[in-house]
Protein backbone atom coordinates (compact mmCIF):
# COMPACT_ATOMS: atom_id res chain seq x y z
CA MET A 1 133.45 48.85 65.94
CA GLY A 2 131.96 48.78 62.85
CA ALA A 3 132.95 49.87 59.62
CA ARG A 4 132.85 53.66 59.46
CA ARG A 5 133.15 55.99 56.01
CA ALA A 6 134.67 59.36 55.34
CA LEU A 7 132.14 61.04 53.57
CA HIS A 8 132.59 64.79 53.35
CA PHE A 9 134.17 68.17 53.96
CA VAL A 10 131.88 71.11 54.81
CA PHE A 11 132.84 74.39 53.09
CA LYS A 12 131.11 78.08 53.76
CA VAL A 13 130.90 79.71 50.11
CA GLY A 14 130.22 83.23 49.71
CA ASP A 15 130.17 83.23 45.90
CA ARG A 16 127.45 80.76 45.06
CA PRO A 17 127.97 81.35 40.82
CA ARG A 18 131.40 81.24 41.40
CA THR A 19 131.88 78.57 43.73
CA ALA A 20 129.92 76.65 41.36
CA ARG A 21 131.83 76.85 38.36
CA PHE A 22 135.14 76.18 40.26
CA TYR A 23 133.79 72.54 41.22
CA ARG A 24 131.71 71.93 38.04
CA GLN A 25 133.97 73.29 35.43
CA LEU A 26 137.68 73.30 36.73
CA LEU A 27 137.21 69.92 39.01
CA GLY A 28 134.86 68.28 36.89
CA MET A 29 132.52 67.19 39.92
CA SER A 30 128.72 66.92 39.30
CA VAL A 31 125.93 68.22 41.38
CA LEU A 32 124.77 65.21 43.58
CA ARG A 33 121.58 66.79 45.12
CA HIS A 34 120.59 70.56 46.13
CA GLU A 35 118.51 71.76 49.48
CA GLU A 36 117.56 75.05 50.34
CA PHE A 37 116.27 75.49 54.03
CA GLU A 38 114.38 78.63 55.35
CA GLU A 39 116.06 78.47 58.98
CA GLY A 40 119.47 77.40 60.63
CA CYS A 41 120.34 73.76 60.67
CA LYS A 42 119.83 72.13 64.40
CA ALA A 43 123.81 71.03 64.10
CA SER A 44 125.06 74.48 62.57
CA CYS A 45 125.26 72.84 59.65
CA ASN A 46 125.48 76.23 57.64
CA GLY A 47 127.73 77.54 60.84
CA PRO A 48 126.21 79.85 63.70
CA TYR A 49 123.60 81.49 61.61
CA ASP A 50 119.70 81.30 61.35
CA GLY A 51 118.54 82.76 58.63
CA LYS A 52 117.70 81.11 54.84
CA TRP A 53 120.77 78.77 53.38
CA SER A 54 121.17 76.36 50.90
CA LYS A 55 123.51 72.98 50.93
CA THR A 56 124.94 71.90 47.57
CA MET A 57 126.77 68.35 47.06
CA VAL A 58 129.26 67.84 44.80
CA GLY A 59 131.59 65.31 43.91
CA TYR A 60 132.79 62.87 41.17
CA GLY A 61 130.11 60.23 41.98
CA PRO A 62 127.68 58.54 44.49
CA GLU A 63 128.25 59.77 48.17
CA ASP A 64 127.93 56.03 48.79
CA ASN A 65 131.69 55.42 47.73
CA HIS A 66 133.35 59.01 47.08
CA PHE A 67 134.31 61.83 49.43
CA VAL A 68 132.43 64.64 48.44
CA ALA A 69 132.09 68.92 49.28
CA GLU A 70 129.10 69.95 50.98
CA LEU A 71 128.93 73.66 50.04
CA THR A 72 127.03 75.68 52.36
CA TYR A 73 125.57 79.49 51.46
CA ASN A 74 124.09 81.69 53.81
CA TYR A 75 121.78 84.23 52.03
CA GLY A 76 123.22 87.83 52.37
CA ILE A 77 126.68 86.86 53.73
CA GLY A 78 129.50 87.13 51.35
CA GLU A 79 132.70 86.25 52.62
CA TYR A 80 134.36 84.50 55.50
CA ARG A 81 137.69 84.89 56.93
CA LEU A 82 140.03 82.04 56.91
CA GLY A 83 142.35 80.62 59.53
CA ASN A 84 144.79 78.15 59.21
CA ASP A 85 143.15 75.23 60.03
CA PHE A 86 141.92 73.65 56.76
CA LEU A 87 145.01 73.15 54.77
CA GLY A 88 143.55 71.63 51.58
CA ILE A 89 142.21 68.77 49.71
CA THR A 90 144.68 66.57 47.56
CA LEU A 91 142.87 64.85 44.11
CA VAL A 92 144.27 62.95 41.15
CA SER A 93 143.09 64.73 37.64
CA SER A 94 145.18 65.80 35.00
CA GLN A 95 141.67 67.08 33.44
CA ALA A 96 141.42 69.34 36.45
CA VAL A 97 145.04 70.75 35.59
CA SER A 98 143.63 71.28 31.68
CA ASN A 99 140.61 72.45 32.83
CA ALA A 100 142.28 75.13 34.71
CA LYS A 101 144.64 76.22 32.34
CA GLU A 102 141.87 76.53 29.64
CA MET A 103 140.47 78.80 32.32
CA GLY A 104 142.89 81.15 32.64
CA TRP A 105 142.32 80.25 36.63
CA PRO A 106 145.80 80.48 38.92
CA LEU A 107 147.79 77.49 39.36
CA LYS A 108 151.04 77.02 41.22
CA GLU A 109 153.15 74.16 40.85
CA VAL A 110 154.35 73.28 44.15
CA THR A 111 156.40 69.72 43.68
CA ALA A 112 156.90 68.07 40.28
CA GLY A 113 153.43 67.24 38.88
CA VAL A 114 150.99 68.49 41.73
CA PHE A 115 149.30 72.14 41.10
CA GLU A 116 148.05 74.22 43.80
CA THR A 117 144.75 76.43 43.00
CA GLU A 118 142.16 77.90 45.50
CA ALA A 119 138.28 77.68 45.17
CA PRO A 120 136.36 80.79 45.41
CA GLY A 121 136.97 81.71 49.14
CA GLY A 122 140.51 80.98 49.67
CA TYR A 123 140.16 77.20 49.62
CA LYS A 124 143.13 75.52 48.89
CA PHE A 125 143.18 72.05 46.41
CA TYR A 126 145.91 70.32 44.83
CA LEU A 127 145.64 68.46 41.63
CA GLU A 128 148.52 65.80 40.92
CA ASP A 129 148.61 66.03 37.17
CA LYS A 130 148.02 62.23 36.12
CA GLU A 131 145.11 60.26 34.96
CA GLN A 132 141.79 60.38 36.99
CA LEU A 133 141.64 57.84 39.18
CA LYS A 134 138.65 55.13 38.26
CA GLN A 135 138.02 54.65 42.29
CA ASP A 136 137.44 58.12 44.03
CA PRO A 137 139.87 60.61 42.87
CA VAL A 138 140.00 62.94 46.25
CA LEU A 139 142.86 61.10 48.21
CA LYS A 140 143.08 63.11 51.12
CA VAL A 141 141.98 66.54 53.39
CA THR A 142 144.84 67.99 55.23
CA LEU A 143 144.12 69.93 58.54
CA GLY A 144 146.45 72.09 60.78
CA VAL A 145 146.92 71.12 64.77
CA SER A 146 149.02 72.59 67.25
CA ASP A 147 150.06 68.96 68.88
CA LEU A 148 150.87 66.15 66.37
CA ARG A 149 151.11 63.60 69.10
CA LYS A 150 147.34 64.87 71.03
CA SER A 151 145.89 65.12 67.53
CA ILE A 152 147.30 61.60 66.18
CA SER A 153 146.02 60.07 69.82
CA TYR A 154 142.61 61.81 69.69
CA TRP A 155 142.16 60.44 65.68
CA SER A 156 143.72 57.09 66.47
CA ASP A 157 142.81 55.88 69.94
CA LEU A 158 139.59 57.21 70.23
CA LEU A 159 138.16 57.53 66.90
CA GLY A 160 139.68 54.37 65.59
CA MET A 161 141.35 55.43 62.56
CA LYS A 162 144.36 53.79 61.60
CA ILE A 163 147.99 55.52 60.93
CA TYR A 164 149.16 55.19 57.54
CA GLU A 165 152.07 57.40 57.87
CA LYS A 166 153.83 59.39 60.67
CA ASP A 167 156.77 61.68 60.06
CA GLU A 168 158.07 63.63 63.55
CA GLU A 169 160.46 65.52 61.28
CA LYS A 170 157.87 66.84 58.76
CA GLN A 171 155.39 66.88 61.84
CA ARG A 172 152.56 65.06 59.84
CA ALA A 173 150.90 61.66 59.99
CA LEU A 174 147.95 60.35 57.53
CA LEU A 175 145.03 58.41 58.99
CA GLY A 176 141.83 56.97 57.82
CA TYR A 177 139.47 54.19 57.96
CA ALA A 178 140.04 51.99 55.22
CA ASP A 179 142.58 51.83 52.25
CA ASN A 180 140.10 52.86 49.39
CA GLN A 181 138.53 55.91 51.61
CA CYS A 182 139.95 59.43 51.31
CA LYS A 183 142.45 60.02 54.24
CA LEU A 184 142.96 62.71 56.72
CA GLU A 185 146.42 64.42 57.29
CA LEU A 186 146.82 66.32 59.78
CA LYS A 187 150.24 68.94 59.73
CA THR A 188 151.33 70.93 62.63
CA VAL A 189 151.27 74.60 61.89
CA GLY A 190 153.54 75.97 64.55
CA GLY A 191 151.05 77.42 67.00
CA ALA A 192 147.53 77.72 67.51
CA VAL A 193 145.09 76.63 65.36
CA ASP A 194 142.66 79.75 64.17
CA HIS A 195 139.32 78.65 62.44
CA GLY A 196 138.73 81.98 61.60
CA THR A 197 134.47 82.38 60.19
CA ALA A 198 135.29 79.96 57.47
CA PHE A 199 135.92 77.17 59.75
CA GLY A 200 134.35 73.91 57.97
CA ARG A 201 133.37 70.21 59.50
CA ILE A 202 134.55 66.76 58.05
CA ALA A 203 131.54 64.04 58.27
CA PHE A 204 132.18 60.25 58.82
CA SER A 205 129.36 57.76 58.81
CA CYS A 206 129.09 54.43 61.46
CA ALA A 207 126.66 52.35 62.45
CA LYS A 208 123.08 54.49 63.88
CA GLU A 209 123.78 52.21 67.03
CA GLU A 210 127.32 53.30 67.54
CA LEU A 211 126.53 56.79 67.71
CA PRO A 212 125.41 57.21 71.55
CA ASN A 213 128.97 54.93 71.99
CA ILE A 214 130.88 57.72 70.48
CA GLU A 215 128.93 60.12 72.70
CA ALA A 216 129.30 58.48 76.11
CA LEU A 217 133.16 57.83 75.30
CA MET A 218 133.98 61.58 74.73
CA LYS A 219 131.95 62.09 77.60
CA LYS A 220 134.00 59.75 79.69
CA GLU A 221 137.26 61.00 78.15
CA ASN A 222 136.45 64.40 78.73
CA GLN A 223 136.24 65.58 75.33
CA LYS A 224 134.18 68.12 73.69
CA ILE A 225 130.70 67.44 72.20
CA LEU A 226 129.42 70.60 70.09
CA THR A 227 125.76 68.86 69.70
CA PRO A 228 124.76 65.57 71.30
CA LEU A 229 122.84 62.95 69.53
CA VAL A 230 120.49 64.78 67.88
CA SER A 231 117.93 64.04 64.83
CA LEU A 232 118.04 66.47 61.60
CA ASP A 233 115.49 66.30 59.16
CA THR A 234 115.76 66.97 55.22
CA PRO A 235 112.53 68.38 53.74
CA GLY A 236 110.63 65.44 51.68
CA LYS A 237 114.08 62.92 52.26
CA ALA A 238 115.36 60.41 55.33
CA THR A 239 115.89 61.99 58.90
CA VAL A 240 119.32 61.49 59.78
CA GLN A 241 121.02 61.09 63.39
CA VAL A 242 124.35 62.70 64.44
CA VAL A 243 126.57 64.04 67.31
CA ILE A 244 129.42 66.49 66.36
CA LEU A 245 132.66 66.72 68.17
CA ALA A 246 135.40 68.53 68.31
CA ASP A 247 139.01 67.65 68.34
CA PRO A 248 141.88 69.06 70.80
CA ASP A 249 142.34 72.07 68.46
CA GLY A 250 138.58 72.65 67.33
CA HIS A 251 138.08 70.67 64.38
CA GLU A 252 134.16 69.70 63.97
CA ILE A 253 133.82 66.40 63.61
CA CYS A 254 130.27 65.12 62.44
CA PHE A 255 129.15 61.18 62.78
CA VAL A 256 126.04 60.36 61.18
CA GLY A 257 124.26 56.83 61.04
CA ASP A 258 125.11 55.08 57.98
CA GLU A 259 121.67 53.70 56.91
CA ALA A 260 119.73 56.48 56.98
CA PHE A 261 122.61 58.70 55.12
CA ARG A 262 122.68 56.41 52.58
CA ASP A 263 118.81 56.76 51.94
CA LEU A 264 119.06 60.84 52.26
CA SER A 265 122.45 60.91 50.10
CA LYS A 266 121.02 59.15 46.86
CA VAL A 267 121.72 60.94 43.75
CA ASP A 268 119.41 63.39 42.80
CA PRO A 269 118.65 63.89 38.88
CA ASN A 270 117.50 67.16 39.44
CA GLY A 271 120.47 68.34 41.51
CA ASP A 272 122.20 70.70 38.77
CA LYS A 273 118.55 72.38 37.81
CA LEU A 274 117.74 72.74 41.58
CA LEU A 275 120.94 74.65 42.06
CA ASN A 276 120.96 76.62 39.15
CA ASP A 277 117.13 77.98 39.50
CA ALA A 278 118.12 78.77 43.15
CA MET A 279 121.04 80.56 41.86
CA GLU A 280 118.92 82.20 38.81
CA ALA A 281 115.96 83.23 42.00
CA ASP A 282 118.70 84.76 44.37
CA LYS A 283 118.65 88.17 43.59
CA SER A 284 121.14 89.34 47.02
CA ASP A 285 123.72 90.32 44.98
CA ALA A 286 121.85 92.69 42.12
CA TRP A 287 120.02 93.96 45.61
CA PHE A 288 123.08 94.95 47.36
CA ALA A 289 124.71 96.56 43.94
CA ALA A 290 121.52 98.53 43.62
CA GLN A 291 121.94 99.80 47.64
CA LYS A 292 125.22 100.33 46.78
CA LYS A 293 126.10 97.95 49.88
CA LYS A 294 128.06 95.07 50.06
CA LYS A 295 126.89 91.71 51.67
CA ALA A 296 128.06 90.99 55.51
CA SER A 297 131.52 89.92 55.96
CA ALA A 298 131.19 87.14 58.54
């Protein structure tokens, strides 16, 4: 197995302007690239929707060496139902804590020096009130699981993650592909995992030639493959190959060929402007308000 990288977590967002404000002004992330699509993704990147949508990548630095957020916005859908599948992202940034206080954004200190806050849509973030790390400040993504041992076996034995911590008493485990990468934390939720309609997706890269092997292993082990190996096009950018899996609790996992993804994910200096222009051109909120209607709830 070659080197693998933790890339991003995919969020569905209903209120794009407020979401952009949270990531840019509160967390202090930058828009790395923004793309608009006229129809749904072959790998359901935007969920099970066929219409117009956008993708915005935001983070503290280039996708080559930072774990970032992928914000997918489906035009016409205003909100999604949360489940207990996504339990939070933890990052180190005293500046984000200060920004939240200045903006009057709700904060709750859950342990000494760690504050819980929510992005629009209810997605939880945990902010460690320490000086932001020079390397990637994003420490871990926490996902809910129903059977910790079964999940550890899947992520470690089949997907090759290293186990960094395991706490049977607290029913949690920390895994990852490298010491300097964002980690995956698994926590037992005390029952079945509910993905709601807001369900996300975690993405990793690997050498392109590994993708057929990952797919073959999952077939051999009778594990779920949501999207068999497929090529995805982005207008004017590199075409990438991906395979989409589901773990024992149905968490979506995307593996993408690293070489093409590094080309696709280059920082676009026009990313901020493209997002701002798209939000300005999107008159859907005004249209629904004029019709005295609400956007659809997924």
